[in-house]
């Protein structure tokens, strides 16, 4: 995959920021919500694979297959939480108690996080939250060339992130979002929309970061699949 000189330059700055971020924190005895996708794999790699990777999915789902493949390629231990062995009713009640207005599509996504927070012993959990908004990762950005990310960023900070912090607090856990907590957002926010694309591929800058980190092409080229679809959880929810 080819990147422009500008994309490469921004990617170098983001890579430096991630190196700095993980060098200043203790990621021992911490976990990462791991989908096997680009965003979480980059964070795991920059942590020096010190974060314990947990994948919440149904066996045979896209997220499960991606996570297993990535763990083999990168030689790290993957822990799997099988959705098919979990009664979702109590988790649905928790999420809806925290946010009674949550939509069905968002419910599936947040259930994956909720189950993870409840089922693991680690108190600190890292996520790739914010990457899709910052780096134009959603499929709709490809489908609509005129769509910017302002509305998505606003919803992220006013609805999604506050809700997820409340879910984490419910289980006595601390949620970390490196893409949002570091200086990365300040680097990326002023960039024009076109800087985030390489032909028909989105997240170009983040893919350039992955390339700089030496991640394999199979990771760099991964397409976005939202957790509620990639994990297989929507097949288990009765709307």
Protein backbone atom coordinates (compact mmCIF):
# COMPACT_ATOMS: atom_id res chain seq x y z
CA UNK A 1 0.00 0.00 0.00
CA UNK A 2 1.38 3.40 -1.00
CA UNK A 3 1.12 6.50 1.16
CA UNK A 4 1.73 10.13 0.34
CA UNK A 5 4.68 11.98 1.81
CA UNK A 6 2.29 13.90 4.06
CA UNK A 7 0.58 10.73 5.27
CA UNK A 8 3.97 9.22 6.04
CA UNK A 9 5.07 12.31 7.93
CA UNK A 10 1.92 12.38 10.08
CA UNK A 11 2.23 8.64 10.67
CA UNK A 12 5.76 9.13 12.01
CA UNK A 13 4.48 11.71 14.49
CA UNK A 14 1.66 9.43 15.61
CA UNK A 15 4.05 6.51 16.01
CA UNK A 16 6.32 8.69 18.17
CA UNK A 17 3.33 9.75 20.25
CA UNK A 18 2.27 6.15 20.83
CA UNK A 19 5.82 5.20 21.80
CA UNK A 20 5.86 8.07 24.29
CA UNK A 21 2.40 7.21 25.62
CA UNK A 22 3.18 3.59 26.38
CA UNK A 23 6.64 4.38 27.74
CA UNK A 24 5.10 6.57 30.43
CA UNK A 25 2.51 4.14 31.73
CA UNK A 26 2.60 0.76 33.38
CA UNK A 27 0.77 -1.64 31.10
CA UNK A 28 1.62 -4.67 33.21
CA UNK A 29 -1.47 -6.44 34.53
CA UNK A 30 -3.59 -4.47 32.06
CA UNK A 31 -5.79 -5.76 29.26
CA UNK A 32 -6.84 -4.74 25.78
CA UNK A 33 -10.21 -5.26 24.14
CA UNK A 34 -8.84 -7.08 21.12
CA UNK A 35 -10.84 -7.54 17.93
CA UNK A 36 -7.93 -8.65 15.77
CA UNK A 37 -8.36 -5.48 13.74
CA UNK A 38 -6.04 -2.64 12.82
CA UNK A 39 -6.75 -0.25 15.72
CA UNK A 40 -6.30 -2.69 18.60
CA UNK A 41 -3.34 -4.46 16.98
CA UNK A 42 -1.45 -1.18 16.66
CA UNK A 43 -2.01 -0.42 20.35
CA UNK A 44 -0.98 -3.92 21.36
CA UNK A 45 2.21 -3.66 19.29
CA UNK A 46 3.17 -0.26 20.70
CA UNK A 47 2.62 -1.58 24.22
CA UNK A 48 5.33 -4.11 23.47
CA UNK A 49 2.65 -6.83 23.67
CA UNK A 50 2.52 -6.30 27.43
CA UNK A 51 -1.25 -5.87 27.44
CA UNK A 52 -3.21 -9.10 27.83
CA UNK A 53 -5.34 -9.53 24.72
CA UNK A 54 -8.97 -10.60 25.19
CA UNK A 55 -11.29 -11.31 22.28
CA UNK A 56 -15.04 -11.44 22.91
CA UNK A 57 -16.78 -13.19 20.03
CA UNK A 58 -18.54 -16.26 18.76
CA UNK A 59 -16.28 -18.96 17.39
CA UNK A 60 -16.19 -18.74 13.62
CA UNK A 61 -17.03 -15.01 13.58
CA UNK A 62 -14.86 -12.55 11.69
CA UNK A 63 -13.40 -11.06 14.88
CA UNK A 64 -12.54 -14.52 16.20
CA UNK A 65 -10.81 -15.54 12.98
CA UNK A 66 -8.92 -12.22 12.72
CA UNK A 67 -7.77 -12.36 16.34
CA UNK A 68 -6.57 -15.96 16.11
CA UNK A 69 -4.73 -15.22 12.86
CA UNK A 70 -3.08 -12.09 14.31
CA UNK A 71 -1.95 -13.89 17.45
CA UNK A 72 -0.28 -16.49 15.26
CA UNK A 73 1.38 -13.93 13.01
CA UNK A 74 2.63 -11.79 15.90
CA UNK A 75 3.25 -14.55 18.44
CA UNK A 76 1.26 -13.28 21.42
CA UNK A 77 -1.15 -15.05 23.75
CA UNK A 78 -4.82 -14.54 22.98
CA UNK A 79 -7.60 -15.20 25.49
CA UNK A 80 -11.04 -15.85 24.04
CA UNK A 81 -14.40 -15.20 25.72
CA UNK A 82 -17.02 -17.20 23.83
CA UNK A 83 -20.27 -15.29 23.35
CA UNK A 84 -22.14 -18.50 22.65
CA UNK A 85 -21.57 -19.62 26.26
CA UNK A 86 -22.94 -16.42 27.81
CA UNK A 87 -26.49 -15.51 28.83
CA UNK A 88 -26.83 -11.96 27.53
CA UNK A 89 -29.97 -10.97 29.41
CA UNK A 90 -28.29 -9.56 32.52
CA UNK A 91 -25.73 -7.67 30.43
CA UNK A 92 -28.45 -6.11 28.29
CA UNK A 93 -30.19 -4.96 31.47
CA UNK A 94 -26.97 -3.35 32.76
CA UNK A 95 -26.33 -1.43 29.55
CA UNK A 96 -29.95 -0.25 29.27
CA UNK A 97 -29.95 0.82 32.91
CA UNK A 98 -26.89 2.97 32.23
CA UNK A 99 -28.30 4.32 28.95
CA UNK A 100 -32.06 3.77 28.50
CA UNK A 101 -31.95 5.51 25.12
CA UNK A 102 -29.27 3.32 23.54
CA UNK A 103 -30.09 2.14 20.02
CA UNK A 104 -30.17 -1.53 19.05
CA UNK A 105 -27.09 -1.19 16.85
CA UNK A 106 -25.11 0.48 19.64
CA UNK A 107 -26.35 -2.07 22.16
CA UNK A 108 -24.53 -4.88 20.37
CA UNK A 109 -21.27 -2.95 20.38
CA UNK A 110 -21.49 -2.01 24.04
CA UNK A 111 -22.42 -5.55 25.10
CA UNK A 112 -19.07 -6.80 23.83
CA UNK A 113 -17.28 -4.26 26.03
CA UNK A 114 -19.58 -4.91 29.00
CA UNK A 115 -18.97 -8.66 28.92
CA UNK A 116 -15.23 -8.11 28.69
CA UNK A 117 -15.19 -5.73 31.66
CA UNK A 118 -17.11 -8.20 33.79
CA UNK A 119 -15.23 -11.36 32.82
CA UNK A 120 -11.57 -10.39 33.20
CA UNK A 121 -9.48 -9.86 36.35
CA UNK A 122 -7.45 -6.91 35.08
CA UNK A 123 -8.57 -3.53 36.41
CA UNK A 124 -7.34 -1.41 33.50
CA UNK A 125 -8.62 -2.02 29.98
CA UNK A 126 -7.33 -0.35 26.81
CA UNK A 127 -9.50 0.09 23.73
CA UNK A 128 -9.11 1.49 20.23
CA UNK A 129 -12.03 3.83 20.83
CA UNK A 130 -11.89 6.98 18.71
CA UNK A 131 -9.82 5.55 15.86
CA UNK A 132 -12.77 5.16 13.49
CA UNK A 133 -13.93 8.72 14.12
CA UNK A 134 -10.48 10.30 13.93
CA UNK A 135 -9.19 8.34 10.94
CA UNK A 136 -12.44 8.05 8.93
CA UNK A 137 -12.70 4.32 9.52
CA UNK A 138 -16.42 3.74 9.03
CA UNK A 139 -17.67 2.33 5.74
CA UNK A 140 -20.05 5.27 5.37
CA UNK A 141 -17.06 7.59 4.86
CA UNK A 142 -16.13 5.61 1.76
CA UNK A 143 -19.70 5.50 0.51
CA UNK A 144 -20.25 9.24 0.92
CA UNK A 145 -17.28 11.33 -0.32
CA UNK A 146 -18.87 14.48 1.09
CA UNK A 147 -19.22 13.20 4.63
CA UNK A 148 -16.95 14.71 7.28
CA UNK A 149 -16.35 13.34 10.77
CA UNK A 150 -17.57 16.30 12.85
CA UNK A 151 -20.86 14.70 13.82
CA UNK A 152 -19.17 11.40 14.65
CA UNK A 153 -16.60 13.13 16.84
CA UNK A 154 -19.31 15.05 18.67
CA UNK A 155 -21.30 11.88 19.38
CA UNK A 156 -18.14 10.11 20.52
CA UNK A 157 -17.40 12.69 23.21
CA UNK A 158 -20.97 13.50 24.27
CA UNK A 159 -22.62 10.06 24.15
CA UNK A 160 -20.42 7.03 23.47
CA UNK A 161 -17.37 7.70 25.62
CA UNK A 162 -19.33 8.92 28.69
CA UNK A 163 -21.52 5.82 28.44
CA UNK A 164 -18.53 3.49 28.25
CA UNK A 165 -16.85 5.16 31.19
CA UNK A 166 -20.03 4.58 33.21
CA UNK A 167 -20.06 0.91 32.19
CA UNK A 168 -16.43 0.56 33.24
CA UNK A 169 -17.15 2.28 36.55
CA UNK A 170 -20.05 -0.15 37.14
CA UNK A 171 -17.54 -3.01 37.16
CA UNK A 172 -14.88 -1.10 39.07
CA UNK A 173 -12.62 -0.90 36.01
CA UNK A 174 -10.62 1.90 34.38
CA UNK A 175 -11.02 2.38 30.65
CA UNK A 176 -8.17 3.81 28.57
CA UNK A 177 -8.42 5.14 25.01
CA UNK A 178 -4.89 6.02 23.81
CA UNK A 179 -6.04 7.48 20.50
CA UNK A 180 -8.01 10.06 22.49
CA UNK A 181 -5.89 10.52 25.60
CA UNK A 182 -2.59 11.27 23.87
CA UNK A 183 -1.76 14.14 21.53
CA UNK A 184 -2.88 12.11 18.53
CA UNK A 185 -6.25 13.82 18.25
CA UNK A 186 -4.52 17.21 18.12
CA UNK A 187 -2.30 15.98 15.31
CA UNK A 188 -5.11 14.47 13.28
CA UNK A 189 -8.11 16.76 13.83
CA UNK A 190 -6.89 19.64 11.60
CA UNK A 191 -6.18 17.37 8.61
CA UNK A 192 -8.47 17.59 5.58
CA UNK A 193 -10.63 14.57 4.80
CA UNK A 194 -8.61 13.54 1.73
CA UNK A 195 -5.50 12.88 3.82
CA UNK A 196 -7.24 9.86 5.35
CA UNK A 197 -7.70 7.97 2.10
CA UNK A 198 -5.44 6.10 -0.31
CA UNK A 199 -7.58 5.42 -3.35
CA UNK A 200 -10.52 3.31 -2.14
CA UNK A 201 -8.85 2.56 1.19
CA UNK A 202 -9.66 4.53 4.33
CA UNK A 203 -7.63 4.93 7.53
CA UNK A 204 -4.58 5.54 5.34
CA UNK A 205 -2.61 7.35 8.05
CA UNK A 206 -3.27 4.66 10.64
CA UNK A 207 -2.28 2.00 8.11
CA UNK A 208 0.95 3.93 7.56
CA UNK A 209 1.55 3.82 11.33
CA UNK A 210 1.09 0.04 11.24
CA UNK A 211 3.58 -0.19 8.39
CA UNK A 212 6.14 1.87 10.31
CA UNK A 213 5.72 -0.48 13.26
CA UNK A 214 6.49 -3.43 11.01
CA UNK A 215 3.08 -5.08 11.22
CA UNK A 216 2.38 -7.61 8.45
CA UNK A 217 0.37 -6.74 5.33
CA UNK A 218 -2.49 -8.94 6.52
CA UNK A 219 -3.00 -6.54 9.44
CA UNK A 220 -2.34 -3.33 7.54
CA UNK A 221 -4.98 -4.11 4.90
CA UNK A 222 -7.76 -5.25 7.25
CA UNK A 223 -11.16 -3.72 6.55
CA UNK A 224 -13.44 -2.31 9.22
CA UNK A 225 -16.18 -4.49 10.72
CA UNK A 226 -18.05 -3.02 13.68
CA UNK A 227 -17.91 -5.11 16.86
CA UNK A 228 -21.65 -5.81 16.87
CA UNK A 229 -21.29 -7.46 13.47
CA UNK A 230 -17.74 -8.80 13.55
CA UNK A 231 -18.14 -10.49 16.93
CA UNK A 232 -21.38 -12.26 16.03
CA UNK A 233 -23.26 -10.77 18.98
CA UNK A 234 -26.11 -9.30 16.93
CA UNK A 235 -27.12 -12.82 15.96
CA UNK A 236 -27.70 -13.52 19.66
CA UNK A 237 -29.74 -10.42 20.48
CA UNK A 238 -33.52 -10.53 20.11
CA UNK A 239 -34.60 -7.03 19.06
